[in-house]
Amino acid sequence: MNWIVMIIDALVSFVRRNPIFCLVVLILALGAPSLLAGIASAILYVILALVVAALIFGFVMRMKIRRLQRDMNDRFGGGFSDFGQPNPGGSARQRRQDEGDVKIYRRRDAAGKRVSEDVGDYVDFEEEKNTGRS
């Protein structure tokens, strides 16, 4: 029952804010009901067209977002599912190392040092403080 009172209050406030519009609608309803019916049907068709356009736009945007999501999964190794949650079965390339971790891999065919031990001389040196005088 409370919602009926709310609807009536909304209608009364609309009439108070737009008295000329409501007067024109009342005159059309009394004087030319077929004209009012044509105007009302045109307004309803416009509203229906807007609703259909909004539904089509929402559907197209949803399809574009899903396609973009698939492309990003393909591009970056598929480490995430469709819902943004980590995918434990993702590729090894997608599993990132923690920041700061360094791994060094040696090649098996590396023969050790490339320069022999007897090349070069050892130079002993001492650091001298520079006093700023030349």
Protein backbone atom coordinates (compact mmCIF):
# COMPACT_ATOMS: atom_id res chain seq x y z
CA MET A 1 0.00 0.00 0.00
CA ASN A 2 2.92 2.29 0.71
CA TRP A 3 4.16 2.06 -2.87
CA ILE A 4 0.81 3.35 -4.19
CA VAL A 5 1.17 6.45 -2.02
CA MET A 6 4.73 6.90 -3.33
CA ILE A 7 3.53 6.70 -6.96
CA ILE A 8 0.75 9.23 -6.33
CA ASP A 9 3.20 11.59 -4.61
CA ALA A 10 5.58 11.30 -7.57
CA LEU A 11 2.77 12.08 -10.02
CA VAL A 12 1.62 15.11 -7.99
CA SER A 13 5.16 16.48 -7.81
CA PHE A 14 5.54 15.98 -11.59
CA VAL A 15 2.33 17.94 -12.23
CA ARG A 16 3.52 20.73 -9.90
CA ARG A 17 6.85 20.98 -11.73
CA ASN A 18 5.38 20.77 -15.27
CA PRO A 19 1.90 22.34 -15.27
CA ILE A 20 1.87 23.49 -18.91
CA PHE A 21 2.96 20.08 -20.23
CA CYS A 22 0.27 18.35 -18.17
CA LEU A 23 -2.36 20.85 -19.41
CA VAL A 24 -1.42 20.18 -23.06
CA VAL A 25 -1.60 16.42 -22.49
CA LEU A 26 -5.02 16.81 -20.84
CA ILE A 27 -6.35 18.95 -23.73
CA LEU A 28 -5.04 16.41 -26.28
CA ALA A 29 -6.60 13.54 -24.33
CA LEU A 30 -10.02 15.27 -24.29
CA GLY A 31 -10.00 16.94 -27.71
CA ALA A 32 -8.11 14.54 -29.96
CA PRO A 33 -7.65 11.15 -28.35
CA SER A 34 -6.40 9.57 -31.59
CA LEU A 35 -3.64 12.18 -31.84
CA LEU A 36 -2.63 11.54 -28.23
CA ALA A 37 -2.60 7.81 -28.93
CA GLY A 38 -0.30 8.40 -31.92
CA ILE A 39 2.07 10.53 -29.86
CA ALA A 40 2.06 8.01 -27.03
CA SER A 41 2.78 5.13 -29.39
CA ALA A 42 5.63 7.10 -31.01
CA ILE A 43 7.13 7.77 -27.58
CA LEU A 44 6.79 4.10 -26.67
CA TYR A 45 8.48 3.07 -29.92
CA VAL A 46 11.37 5.45 -29.21
CA ILE A 47 11.74 4.04 -25.69
CA LEU A 48 11.60 0.49 -27.05
CA ALA A 49 14.25 1.32 -29.66
CA LEU A 50 16.51 2.76 -26.96
CA VAL A 51 16.10 -0.37 -24.81
CA VAL A 52 16.86 -2.66 -27.76
CA ALA A 53 19.90 -0.53 -28.72
CA ALA A 54 21.18 -0.70 -25.12
CA LEU A 55 20.78 -4.49 -25.09
CA ILE A 56 22.59 -4.86 -28.41
CA PHE A 57 25.35 -2.52 -27.26
CA GLY A 58 25.78 -4.51 -24.03
CA PHE A 59 25.93 -7.79 -25.94
CA VAL A 60 28.49 -6.46 -28.44
CA MET A 61 30.67 -5.00 -25.68
CA ARG A 62 30.54 -8.27 -23.74
CA MET A 63 31.68 -10.16 -26.86
CA LYS A 64 34.51 -7.66 -27.48
CA ILE A 65 35.71 -7.93 -23.88
CA ARG A 66 35.71 -11.73 -24.03
CA ARG A 67 37.62 -11.68 -27.32
CA LEU A 68 40.14 -9.24 -25.85
CA GLN A 69 40.48 -11.48 -22.80
CA ARG A 70 41.16 -14.51 -25.01
CA ASP A 71 43.73 -12.57 -27.04
CA MET A 72 45.54 -11.46 -23.88
CA ASN A 73 45.56 -15.04 -22.57
CA ASP A 74 47.01 -16.24 -25.87
CA ARG A 75 49.58 -13.45 -26.00
CA PHE A 76 50.83 -13.82 -22.42
CA GLY A 77 50.91 -17.58 -22.15
CA GLY A 78 47.46 -18.38 -20.78
CA GLY A 79 48.50 -18.24 -17.14
CA PHE A 80 45.11 -16.89 -16.08
CA SER A 81 41.62 -18.27 -16.40
CA ASP A 82 38.66 -16.35 -17.84
CA PHE A 83 37.80 -14.94 -14.44
CA GLY A 84 41.20 -13.44 -13.61
CA GLN A 85 42.18 -16.17 -11.16
CA PRO A 86 45.64 -17.73 -11.46
CA ASN A 87 45.60 -20.91 -13.49
CA PRO A 88 47.84 -23.54 -11.84
CA GLY A 89 48.17 -25.40 -15.14
CA GLY A 90 49.56 -22.33 -16.94
CA SER A 91 52.76 -22.45 -18.94
CA ALA A 92 56.15 -22.39 -17.22
CA ARG A 93 56.91 -19.11 -18.95
CA GLN A 94 53.99 -17.49 -17.15
CA ARG A 95 55.18 -18.53 -13.68
CA ARG A 96 57.30 -15.56 -12.75
CA GLN A 97 60.28 -15.55 -10.40
CA ASP A 98 60.04 -13.51 -7.25
CA GLU A 99 61.54 -10.06 -7.57
CA GLY A 100 65.23 -10.09 -6.64
CA ASP A 101 65.79 -13.80 -7.26
CA VAL A 102 68.65 -14.43 -9.65
CA LYS A 103 69.31 -17.78 -11.26
CA ILE A 104 72.48 -18.49 -13.22
CA TYR A 105 72.47 -21.35 -15.66
CA ARG A 106 75.73 -22.80 -17.02
CA ARG A 107 76.03 -24.37 -20.36
CA ARG A 108 77.36 -27.91 -20.37
CA ASP A 109 79.69 -27.33 -23.27
CA ALA A 110 81.46 -24.41 -21.55
CA ALA A 111 85.11 -25.39 -21.14
CA GLY A 112 85.81 -23.29 -18.05
CA LYS A 113 88.33 -20.47 -18.45
CA ARG A 114 88.95 -19.15 -21.91
CA VAL A 115 92.25 -17.50 -21.03
CA SER A 116 95.14 -19.48 -19.61
CA GLU A 117 96.48 -18.90 -16.10
CA ASP A 118 99.92 -17.59 -17.18
CA VAL A 119 98.54 -14.60 -19.14
CA GLY A 120 98.87 -11.21 -17.45
CA ASP A 121 100.75 -9.83 -14.43
CA TYR A 122 99.60 -9.08 -10.93
CA VAL A 123 100.02 -5.42 -10.01
CA ASP A 124 100.14 -4.45 -6.35
CA PHE A 125 98.89 -0.95 -5.70
CA GLU A 126 98.16 1.40 -2.85
CA GLU A 127 95.54 4.11 -2.71
CA GLU A 128 96.76 7.61 -1.96
CA LYS A 129 94.58 10.28 -0.47
CA ASN A 130 94.17 13.35 -2.62
CA THR A 131 94.52 16.45 -0.45
CA GLY A 132 93.20 18.74 -3.12
CA ARG A 133 96.54 20.46 -3.78
CA SER A 134 98.11 20.15 -7.20
